[in-house]
Amino acid sequence: MARLEIARSARAWLVATTCMFCVTLHGAPVLADERFFTYIQEADMIPRGGWEFEQWLTFRKGYPEGNHQFDQYLWDFREEIEYGFTDKLSGSLYLNFQQEQNVAQEPGLADSSEFSYKGFSAEVKYQLLNPYTQPVGIALYFEPSYSPTEQELEYKLIFSKNIGDKWVLAANATFEQEWERENGQTERESVLEFTFGGAYRFTPNWSVGLEARYHSVYQGSTLNDRLASAWFLGPNIHYGTSRWWATFTLLPQISGNPSDGHINTTEHQIFEARLIFGINF
């Protein structure tokens, strides 16, 4: 039954991805605020007084805490509304949801499936240097998240550079603190992440790129003891118009520590894919 649900979810996700890209084909060639990456933030800003809606959809496949008795499929949904307070300062609100499916790989074990609300997030982004007019663009980013059982604080330093109208280069350094309450106790973890990539616009609307991600998880809220780390690397494709845009990334894990066949399965998924669809208004 769970396998049938997964197949249906996968087909629906592929149809949604295809439809979003097909819809953008009818847009005007003049571009507006857009994202060339899905795992990397850019120092570019939404204009003052501008609004944008973004729909995030992330698929992750792995094993629950490294247990190969189950295949785990996670679907993360985020709905974001962003507003430009000034040309250098923007803010966003997110709603977060997740569909988790665990499919047993051995007789006698039961499949499970659960859809849950994961709370809300807020975001503040401030541009220090403009990526178009300065040698490098720099921005600061802060995102707190809250749910009844889990709270997170995310701090990000953003670098990016737009080279003419063809190339976009970007890199982020991220530190996260997480507190999760379970069975009356609070578990503290922290995350250190580095992402970087490049994208090339080969037509006025289309671009392709490459994204790399290093992600490490630590016990304790101040990077106390490292639990695991992993590298991810994969391509992306982007389409943008004056009103909307869409970016899709495939990001398999290529190495991890501690390793399970050269990758880490205790704290990381073995494969991820993300689609972000944005509408400017």
C-alpha atoms as a PDB file:
ATOM      1  CA  MET A   1       0.000   0.000   0.000  1.00  0.00           C
ATOM      2  CA  ALA A   2       2.816   2.395   0.916  1.00  0.00           C
ATOM      3  CA  ARG A   3       4.613   1.547  -2.328  1.00  0.00           C
ATOM      4  CA  LEU A   4       1.462   2.480  -4.258  1.00  0.00           C
ATOM      5  CA  GLU A   5       1.256   5.787  -2.355  1.00  0.00           C
ATOM      6  CA  ILE A   6       4.909   6.496  -3.143  1.00  0.00           C
ATOM      7  CA  ALA A   7       4.398   5.766  -6.829  1.00  0.00           C
ATOM      8  CA  ARG A   8       1.383   8.052  -6.938  1.00  0.00           C
ATOM      9  CA  SER A   9       3.268  10.794  -5.090  1.00  0.00           C
ATOM     10  CA  ALA A  10       6.227  10.477  -7.443  1.00  0.00           C
ATOM     11  CA  ARG A  11       3.969  10.679 -10.519  1.00  0.00           C
ATOM     12  CA  ALA A  12       2.160  13.708  -9.088  1.00  0.00           C
ATOM     13  CA  TRP A  13       5.464  15.390  -8.288  1.00  0.00           C
ATOM     14  CA  LEU A  14       6.802  14.810 -11.812  1.00  0.00           C
ATOM     15  CA  VAL A  15       3.571  16.080 -13.350  1.00  0.00           C
ATOM     16  CA  ALA A  16       3.677  19.199 -11.168  1.00  0.00           C
ATOM     17  CA  THR A  17       7.320  19.805 -12.112  1.00  0.00           C
ATOM     18  CA  THR A  18       6.578  19.431 -15.814  1.00  0.00           C
ATOM     19  CA  CYS A  19       3.506  21.662 -15.659  1.00  0.00           C
ATOM     20  CA  MET A  20       5.345  24.440 -13.856  1.00  0.00           C
ATOM     21  CA  PHE A  21       8.090  24.489 -16.462  1.00  0.00           C
ATOM     22  CA  CYS A  22       5.596  24.309 -19.327  1.00  0.00           C
ATOM     23  CA  VAL A  23       3.585  27.212 -17.942  1.00  0.00           C
ATOM     24  CA  THR A  24       6.683  29.402 -17.855  1.00  0.00           C
ATOM     25  CA  LEU A  25       7.243  28.868 -21.581  1.00  0.00           C
ATOM     26  CA  HIS A  26       4.433  31.344 -22.290  1.00  0.00           C
ATOM     27  CA  GLY A  27       5.980  34.178 -20.250  1.00  0.00           C
ATOM     28  CA  ALA A  28       7.703  37.304 -21.516  1.00  0.00           C
ATOM     29  CA  PRO A  29      11.487  37.232 -22.025  1.00  0.00           C
ATOM     30  CA  VAL A  30      12.109  40.162 -19.654  1.00  0.00           C
ATOM     31  CA  LEU A  31      13.388  38.761 -16.354  1.00  0.00           C
ATOM     32  CA  ALA A  32      12.510  39.828 -12.808  1.00  0.00           C
ATOM     33  CA  ASP A  33      13.717  38.728  -9.374  1.00  0.00           C
ATOM     34  CA  GLU A  34      14.604  35.031  -9.623  1.00  0.00           C
ATOM     35  CA  ARG A  35      16.693  32.280  -8.019  1.00  0.00           C
ATOM     36  CA  PHE A  36      19.292  30.408 -10.078  1.00  0.00           C
ATOM     37  CA  PHE A  37      19.879  27.814  -7.326  1.00  0.00           C
ATOM     38  CA  THR A  38      17.688  25.946  -4.853  1.00  0.00           C
ATOM     39  CA  TYR A  39      20.257  25.048  -2.161  1.00  0.00           C
ATOM     40  CA  ILE A  40      22.222  28.331  -2.398  1.00  0.00           C
ATOM     41  CA  GLN A  41      21.026  31.830  -1.573  1.00  0.00           C
ATOM     42  CA  GLU A  42      22.161  34.816  -3.683  1.00  0.00           C
ATOM     43  CA  ALA A  43      22.918  38.378  -2.581  1.00  0.00           C
ATOM     44  CA  ASP A  44      20.421  39.755  -5.131  1.00  0.00           C
ATOM     45  CA  MET A  45      17.345  41.336  -3.506  1.00  0.00           C
ATOM     46  CA  ILE A  46      13.663  41.691  -4.252  1.00  0.00           C
ATOM     47  CA  PRO A  47      12.874  45.366  -5.153  1.00  0.00           C
ATOM     48  CA  ARG A  48      11.482  47.749  -2.563  1.00  0.00           C
ATOM     49  CA  GLY A  49       7.712  47.290  -2.258  1.00  0.00           C
ATOM     50  CA  GLY A  50       7.822  44.041  -4.238  1.00  0.00           C
ATOM     51  CA  TRP A  51       6.042  40.836  -3.233  1.00  0.00           C
ATOM     52  CA  GLU A  52       6.921  37.269  -4.168  1.00  0.00           C
ATOM     53  CA  PHE A  53       5.318  33.898  -3.487  1.00  0.00           C
ATOM     54  CA  GLU A  54       7.533  30.792  -3.572  1.00  0.00           C
ATOM     55  CA  GLN A  55       6.460  27.152  -3.461  1.00  0.00           C
ATOM     56  CA  TRP A  56       9.205  24.764  -2.346  1.00  0.00           C
ATOM     57  CA  LEU A  57       9.046  21.017  -2.896  1.00  0.00           C
ATOM     58  CA  THR A  58      11.941  18.832  -1.727  1.00  0.00           C
ATOM     59  CA  PHE A  59      12.150  15.048  -2.129  1.00  0.00           C
ATOM     60  CA  ARG A  60      14.660  13.092  -0.012  1.00  0.00           C
ATOM     61  CA  LYS A  61      15.362   9.361  -0.088  1.00  0.00           C
ATOM     62  CA  GLY A  62      17.345   7.440   2.516  1.00  0.00           C
ATOM     63  CA  TYR A  63      17.142   5.117   5.507  1.00  0.00           C
ATOM     64  CA  PRO A  64      15.673   6.143   8.905  1.00  0.00           C
ATOM     65  CA  GLU A  65      18.737   6.708  11.126  1.00  0.00           C
ATOM     66  CA  GLY A  66      20.692   4.391   8.804  1.00  0.00           C
ATOM     67  CA  ASN A  67      18.342   1.417   9.318  1.00  0.00           C
ATOM     68  CA  HIS A  68      18.374  -0.524   6.020  1.00  0.00           C
ATOM     69  CA  GLN A  69      15.316  -2.518   7.082  1.00  0.00           C
ATOM     70  CA  PHE A  70      13.284   0.439   5.771  1.00  0.00           C
ATOM     71  CA  ASP A  71      13.436   2.730   2.758  1.00  0.00           C
ATOM     72  CA  GLN A  72      12.534   6.255   3.801  1.00  0.00           C
ATOM     73  CA  TYR A  73      10.869   8.807   1.507  1.00  0.00           C
ATOM     74  CA  LEU A  74      10.485  12.386   2.715  1.00  0.00           C
ATOM     75  CA  TRP A  75       8.522  15.138   0.939  1.00  0.00           C
ATOM     76  CA  ASP A  76       9.104  18.615   2.378  1.00  0.00           C
ATOM     77  CA  PHE A  77       6.675  21.399   1.419  1.00  0.00           C
ATOM     78  CA  ARG A  78       7.314  25.106   2.107  1.00  0.00           C
ATOM     79  CA  GLU A  79       5.097  28.036   1.178  1.00  0.00           C
ATOM     80  CA  GLU A  80       6.872  31.412   1.346  1.00  0.00           C
ATOM     81  CA  ILE A  81       5.719  35.027   1.072  1.00  0.00           C
ATOM     82  CA  GLU A  82       8.524  37.604   0.688  1.00  0.00           C
ATOM     83  CA  TYR A  83       8.342  41.411   0.831  1.00  0.00           C
ATOM     84  CA  GLY A  84      10.972  44.025  -0.001  1.00  0.00           C
ATOM     85  CA  PHE A  85      11.071  46.638   2.791  1.00  0.00           C
ATOM     86  CA  THR A  86      13.872  48.512   1.028  1.00  0.00           C
ATOM     87  CA  ASP A  87      16.186  47.729  -1.886  1.00  0.00           C
ATOM     88  CA  LYS A  88      18.575  46.198   0.676  1.00  0.00           C
ATOM     89  CA  LEU A  89      16.238  44.644   3.263  1.00  0.00           C
ATOM     90  CA  SER A  90      13.605  41.934   2.778  1.00  0.00           C
ATOM     91  CA  GLY A  91      11.549  39.660   5.008  1.00  0.00           C
ATOM     92  CA  SER A  92       9.691  36.381   4.517  1.00  0.00           C
ATOM     93  CA  LEU A  93       7.249  34.066   6.269  1.00  0.00           C
ATOM     94  CA  TYR A  94       7.105  30.286   5.653  1.00  0.00           C
ATOM     95  CA  LEU A  95       4.691  27.460   6.404  1.00  0.00           C
ATOM     96  CA  ASN A  96       6.365  24.035   6.637  1.00  0.00           C
ATOM     97  CA  PHE A  97       4.830  20.583   6.041  1.00  0.00           C
ATOM     98  CA  GLN A  98       6.239  17.077   5.602  1.00  0.00           C
ATOM     99  CA  GLN A  99       5.083  13.730   4.239  1.00  0.00           C
ATOM    100  CA  GLU A 100       7.143  10.826   5.633  1.00  0.00           C
ATOM    101  CA  GLN A 101       6.868   7.279   4.264  1.00  0.00           C
ATOM    102  CA  ASN A 102       8.841   4.283   5.521  1.00  0.00           C
ATOM    103  CA  VAL A 103       8.647   1.128   3.412  1.00  0.00           C
ATOM    104  CA  ALA A 104       9.661  -2.166   5.057  1.00  0.00           C
ATOM    105  CA  GLN A 105      12.291  -4.215   3.228  1.00  0.00           C
ATOM    106  CA  GLU A 106      11.953  -7.369   5.315  1.00  0.00           C
ATOM    107  CA  PRO A 107       8.987  -9.672   6.086  1.00  0.00           C
ATOM    108  CA  GLY A 108       7.183  -9.032   9.349  1.00  0.00           C
ATOM    109  CA  LEU A 109       7.869  -5.298   9.396  1.00  0.00           C
ATOM    110  CA  ALA A 110       5.112  -2.756   8.822  1.00  0.00           C
ATOM    111  CA  ASP A 111       5.094   0.193   6.424  1.00  0.00           C
ATOM    112  CA  SER A 112       4.187   3.631   7.776  1.00  0.00           C
ATOM    113  CA  SER A 113       3.068   6.953   6.336  1.00  0.00           C
ATOM    114  CA  GLU A 114       2.447  10.302   8.060  1.00  0.00           C
ATOM    115  CA  PHE A 115       1.719  13.853   6.944  1.00  0.00           C
ATOM    116  CA  SER A 116       2.571  16.523   9.528  1.00  0.00           C
ATOM    117  CA  TYR A 117       2.704  20.271  10.051  1.00  0.00           C
ATOM    118  CA  LYS A 118       6.290  21.310  10.805  1.00  0.00           C
ATOM    119  CA  GLY A 119       5.608  24.812  12.073  1.00  0.00           C
ATOM    120  CA  PHE A 120       6.471  28.181  10.605  1.00  0.00           C
ATOM    121  CA  SER A 121       9.631  30.140   9.829  1.00  0.00           C
ATOM    122  CA  ALA A 122      10.559  33.792   9.383  1.00  0.00           C
ATOM    123  CA  GLU A 123      13.429  35.217   7.376  1.00  0.00           C
ATOM    124  CA  VAL A 124      15.333  38.510   7.348  1.00  0.00           C
ATOM    125  CA  LYS A 125      17.875  39.237   4.607  1.00  0.00           C
ATOM    126  CA  TYR A 126      20.076  42.338   4.375  1.00  0.00           C
ATOM    127  CA  GLN A 127      22.355  43.185   1.455  1.00  0.00           C
ATOM    128  CA  LEU A 128      25.762  44.674   2.314  1.00  0.00           C
ATOM    129  CA  LEU A 129      27.189  44.808  -1.230  1.00  0.00           C
ATOM    130  CA  ASN A 130      25.373  44.668  -4.582  1.00  0.00           C
ATOM    131  CA  PRO A 131      26.422  41.675  -6.758  1.00  0.00           C
ATOM    132  CA  TYR A 132      25.926  43.704  -9.965  1.00  0.00           C
ATOM    133  CA  THR A 133      27.869  46.870  -9.108  1.00  0.00           C
ATOM    134  CA  GLN A 134      30.474  45.611  -6.610  1.00  0.00           C
ATOM    135  CA  PRO A 135      33.314  43.088  -7.133  1.00  0.00           C
ATOM    136  CA  VAL A 136      31.298  40.633  -5.027  1.00  0.00           C
ATOM    137  CA  GLY A 137      27.808  40.755  -3.541  1.00  0.00           C
ATOM    138  CA  ILE A 138      27.452  40.093   0.190  1.00  0.00           C
ATOM    139  CA  ALA A 139      24.290  39.612   2.262  1.00  0.00           C
ATOM    140  CA  LEU A 140      23.385  38.546   5.799  1.00  0.00           C
ATOM    141  CA  TYR A 141      20.533  36.102   6.447  1.00  0.00           C
ATOM    142  CA  PHE A 142      18.723  35.037   9.618  1.00  0.00           C
ATOM    143  CA  GLU A 143      15.876  32.491   9.857  1.00  0.00           C
ATOM    144  CA  PRO A 144      14.186  31.326  13.076  1.00  0.00           C
ATOM    145  CA  SER A 145      11.749  28.379  12.917  1.00  0.00           C
ATOM    146  CA  TYR A 146       9.191  27.225  15.468  1.00  0.00           C
ATOM    147  CA  SER A 147       6.983  24.180  15.975  1.00  0.00           C
ATOM    148  CA  PRO A 148       5.539  22.751  19.204  1.00  0.00           C
ATOM    149  CA  THR A 149       8.338  20.177  19.437  1.00  0.00           C
ATOM    150  CA  GLU A 150      11.268  21.787  17.615  1.00  0.00           C
ATOM    151  CA  GLN A 151      12.917  25.207  17.351  1.00  0.00           C
ATOM    152  CA  GLU A 152      15.734  26.281  15.025  1.00  0.00           C
ATOM    153  CA  LEU A 153      17.932  29.330  14.464  1.00  0.00           C
ATOM    154  CA  GLU A 154      19.760  29.647  11.143  1.00  0.00           C
ATOM    155  CA  TYR A 155      22.498  32.188  10.401  1.00  0.00           C
ATOM    156  CA  LYS A 156      23.866  32.566   6.872  1.00  0.00           C
ATOM    157  CA  LEU A 157      26.611  34.584   5.162  1.00  0.00           C
ATOM    158  CA  ILE A 158      25.900  34.957   1.441  1.00  0.00           C
ATOM    159  CA  PHE A 159      28.347  35.703  -1.376  1.00  0.00           C
ATOM    160  CA  SER A 160      27.377  35.983  -5.044  1.00  0.00           C
ATOM    161  CA  LYS A 161      28.432  37.657  -8.268  1.00  0.00           C
ATOM    162  CA  ASN A 162      26.525  38.307 -11.484  1.00  0.00           C
ATOM    163  CA  ILE A 163      29.021  38.450 -14.365  1.00  0.00           C
ATOM    164  CA  GLY A 164      27.373  40.252 -17.258  1.00  0.00           C
ATOM    165  CA  ASP A 165      24.054  38.659 -18.151  1.00  0.00           C
ATOM    166  CA  LYS A 166      25.458  35.125 -18.563  1.00  0.00           C
ATOM    167  CA  TRP A 167      27.126  33.864 -15.384  1.00  0.00           C
ATOM    168  CA  VAL A 168      26.014  33.720 -11.748  1.00  0.00           C
ATOM    169  CA  LEU A 169      28.387  32.483  -9.024  1.00  0.00           C
ATOM    170  CA  ALA A 170      27.301  31.994  -5.401  1.00  0.00           C
ATOM    171  CA  ALA A 171      28.520  30.585  -2.080  1.00  0.00           C
ATOM    172  CA  ASN A 172      26.995  30.387   1.414  1.00  0.00           C
ATOM    173  CA  ALA A 173      28.320  29.632   4.894  1.00  0.00           C
ATOM    174  CA  THR A 174      25.557  28.509   7.290  1.00  0.00           C
ATOM    175  CA  PHE A 175      25.365  27.786  11.018  1.00  0.00           C
ATOM    176  CA  GLU A 176      22.214  26.286  12.556  1.00  0.00           C
ATOM    177  CA  GLN A 177      21.131  25.565  16.124  1.00  0.00           C
ATOM    178  CA  GLU A 178      18.329  23.077  16.799  1.00  0.00           C
ATOM    179  CA  TRP A 179      16.380  22.193  19.951  1.00  0.00           C
ATOM    180  CA  GLU A 180      13.963  19.222  19.841  1.00  0.00           C
ATOM    181  CA  ARG A 181      11.759  18.128  22.729  1.00  0.00           C
ATOM    182  CA  GLU A 182      10.909  14.442  22.973  1.00  0.00           C
ATOM    183  CA  ASN A 183       9.710  12.381  25.957  1.00  0.00           C
ATOM    184  CA  GLY A 184      10.174  15.329  28.304  1.00  0.00           C
ATOM    185  CA  GLN A 185      13.804  15.887  27.302  1.00  0.00           C
ATOM    186  CA  THR A 186      15.444  18.446  25.010  1.00  0.00           C
ATOM    187  CA  GLU A 187      17.950  17.245  22.433  1.00  0.00           C
ATOM    188  CA  ARG A 188      20.384  19.891  21.161  1.00  0.00           C
ATOM    189  CA  GLU A 189      22.123  19.741  17.799  1.00  0.00           C
ATOM    190  CA  SER A 190      23.957  22.168  15.538  1.00  0.00           C
ATOM    191  CA  VAL A 191      24.798  22.202  11.851  1.00  0.00           C
ATOM    192  CA  LEU A 192      27.649  23.659   9.817  1.00  0.00           C
ATOM    193  CA  GLU A 193      27.020  23.890   6.078  1.00  0.00           C
ATOM    194  CA  PHE A 194      28.892  25.259   3.061  1.00  0.00           C
ATOM    195  CA  THR A 195      27.245  25.527  -0.357  1.00  0.00           C
ATOM    196  CA  PHE A 196      28.590  26.901  -3.619  1.00  0.00           C
ATOM    197  CA  GLY A 197      27.778  26.750  -7.303  1.00  0.00           C
ATOM    198  CA  GLY A 198      27.644  28.407 -10.692  1.00  0.00           C
ATOM    199  CA  ALA A 199      24.963  28.905 -13.333  1.00  0.00           C
ATOM    200  CA  TYR A 200      25.195  29.853 -17.015  1.00  0.00           C
ATOM    201  CA  ARG A 201      22.351  31.540 -18.885  1.00  0.00           C
ATOM    202  CA  PHE A 202      22.392  30.138 -22.423  1.00  0.00           C
ATOM    203  CA  THR A 203      19.223  31.925 -23.599  1.00  0.00           C
ATOM    204  CA  PRO A 204      17.408  34.993 -22.176  1.00  0.00           C
ATOM    205  CA  ASN A 205      15.154  32.654 -20.166  1.00  0.00           C
ATOM    206  CA  TRP A 206      17.046  29.405 -19.585  1.00  0.00           C
ATOM    207  CA  SER A 207      20.116  28.605 -17.495  1.00  0.00           C
ATOM    208  CA  VAL A 208      21.878  25.474 -16.284  1.00  0.00           C
ATOM    209  CA  GLY A 209      24.177  25.121 -13.316  1.00  0.00           C
ATOM    210  CA  LEU A 210      25.951  22.982 -10.754  1.00  0.00           C
ATOM    211  CA  GLU A 211      25.437  23.009  -6.976  1.00  0.00           C
ATOM    212  CA  ALA A 212      27.707  21.565  -4.272  1.00  0.00           C
ATOM    213  CA  ARG A 213      26.833  21.158  -0.595  1.00  0.00           C
ATOM    214  CA  TYR A 214      28.869  20.136   2.458  1.00  0.00           C
ATOM    215  CA  HIS A 215      26.669  19.415   5.491  1.00  0.00           C
ATOM    216  CA  SER A 216      27.871  18.355   8.960  1.00  0.00           C
ATOM    217  CA  VAL A 217      25.773  17.595  12.064  1.00  0.00           C
ATOM    218  CA  TYR A 218      27.012  18.063  15.644  1.00  0.00           C
ATOM    219  CA  GLN A 219      25.738  17.084  19.059  1.00  0.00           C
ATOM    220  CA  GLY A 220      25.209  20.161  21.206  1.00  0.00           C
ATOM    221  CA  SER A 221      24.168  23.656  20.157  1.00  0.00           C
ATOM    222  CA  THR A 222      27.727  24.979  19.608  1.00  0.00           C
ATOM    223  CA  LEU A 223      29.322  22.377  17.296  1.00  0.00           C
ATOM    224  CA  ASN A 224      30.430  20.244  20.260  1.00  0.00           C
ATOM    225  CA  ASP A 225      30.843  16.700  18.904  1.00  0.00           C
ATOM    226  CA  ARG A 226      30.510  15.896  15.217  1.00  0.00           C
ATOM    227  CA  LEU A 227      28.013  13.117  14.491  1.00  0.00           C
ATOM    228  CA  ALA A 228      28.292  12.905  10.712  1.00  0.00           C
ATOM    229  CA  SER A 229      29.133  14.839   7.549  1.00  0.00           C
ATOM    230  CA  ALA A 230      28.333  14.469   3.860  1.00  0.00           C
ATOM    231  CA  TRP A 231      29.054  15.975   0.438  1.00  0.00           C
ATOM    232  CA  PHE A 232      26.354  16.445  -2.200  1.00  0.00           C
ATOM    233  CA  LEU A 233      26.873  17.460  -5.833  1.00  0.00           C
ATOM    234  CA  GLY A 234      24.412  17.800  -8.712  1.00  0.00           C
ATOM    235  CA  PRO A 235      23.046  19.819 -11.642  1.00  0.00           C
ATOM    236  CA  ASN A 236      20.199  22.289 -11.842  1.00  0.00           C
ATOM    237  CA  ILE A 237      18.057  23.909 -14.523  1.00  0.00           C
ATOM    238  CA  HIS A 238      16.293  27.265 -14.355  1.00  0.00           C
ATOM    239  CA  TYR A 239      13.660  29.128 -16.380  1.00  0.00           C
ATOM    240  CA  GLY A 240      12.645  32.723 -15.676  1.00  0.00           C
ATOM    241  CA  THR A 241      10.258  35.335 -17.044  1.00  0.00           C
ATOM    242  CA  SER A 242       9.095  38.800 -15.986  1.00  0.00           C
ATOM    243  CA  ARG A 243       6.377  37.328 -13.738  1.00  0.00           C
ATOM    244  CA  TRP A 244       7.524  33.879 -12.618  1.00  0.00           C
ATOM    245  CA  TRP A 245      10.447  31.489 -12.565  1.00  0.00           C
ATOM    246  CA  ALA A 246      11.255  27.889 -11.639  1.00  0.00           C
ATOM    247  CA  THR A 247      14.487  26.135 -10.625  1.00  0.00           C
ATOM    248  CA  PHE A 248      15.006  22.388 -10.245  1.00  0.00           C
ATOM    249  CA  THR A 249      18.038  20.666  -8.674  1.00  0.00           C
ATOM    250  CA  LEU A 250      19.127  17.023  -8.433  1.00  0.00           C
ATOM    251  CA  LEU A 251      21.537  16.500  -5.520  1.00  0.00           C
ATOM    252  CA  PRO A 252      22.851  12.979  -4.801  1.00  0.00           C
ATOM    253  CA  GLN A 253      25.208  12.337  -1.899  1.00  0.00           C
ATOM    254  CA  ILE A 254      28.686  11.525  -3.213  1.00  0.00           C
ATOM    255  CA  SER A 255      30.561  10.866   0.055  1.00  0.00           C
ATOM    256  CA  GLY A 256      30.003  10.827   3.797  1.00  0.00           C
ATOM    257  CA  ASN A 257      31.509  10.071   7.178  1.00  0.00           C
ATOM    258  CA  PRO A 258      30.952   7.786   9.041  1.00  0.00           C
ATOM    259  CA  SER A 259      30.459   5.902   5.810  1.00  0.00           C
ATOM    260  CA  ASP A 260      28.065   3.187   4.767  1.00  0.00           C
ATOM    261  CA  GLY A 261      29.297   2.242   1.329  1.00  0.00           C
ATOM    262  CA  HIS A 262      31.200   5.568   0.977  1.00  0.00           C
ATOM    263  CA  ILE A 263      28.148   7.668   1.993  1.00  0.00           C
ATOM    264  CA  ASN A 264      26.562   8.567   5.324  1.00  0.00           C
ATOM    265  CA  THR A 265      23.096   7.198   6.073  1.00  0.00           C
ATOM    266  CA  THR A 266      22.708   7.886   9.807  1.00  0.00           C
ATOM    267  CA  GLU A 267      22.254  11.689   9.570  1.00  0.00           C
ATOM    268  CA  HIS A 268      21.834  12.284   5.824  1.00  0.00           C
ATOM    269  CA  GLN A 269      19.696  11.161   2.920  1.00  0.00           C
ATOM    270  CA  ILE A 270      21.333   9.423  -0.021  1.00  0.00           C
ATOM    271  CA  PHE A 271      19.529  11.503  -2.653  1.00  0.00           C
ATOM    272  CA  GLU A 272      17.678  14.824  -2.757  1.00  0.00           C
ATOM    273  CA  ALA A 273      15.783  16.786  -5.407  1.00  0.00           C
ATOM    274  CA  ARG A 274      14.262  20.243  -5.022  1.00  0.00           C
ATOM    275  CA  LEU A 275      11.908  22.410  -7.068  1.00  0.00           C
ATOM    276  CA  ILE A 276      11.239  26.081  -6.238  1.00  0.00           C
ATOM    277  CA  PHE A 277       8.571  27.946  -8.175  1.00  0.00           C
ATOM    278  CA  GLY A 278       8.277  31.709  -7.691  1.00  0.00           C
ATOM    279  CA  ILE A 279       5.680  34.309  -8.733  1.00  0.00           C
ATOM    280  CA  ASN A 280       6.390  38.059  -8.530  1.00  0.00           C
ATOM    281  CA  PHE A 281       3.546  40.510  -7.961  1.00  0.00           C
END
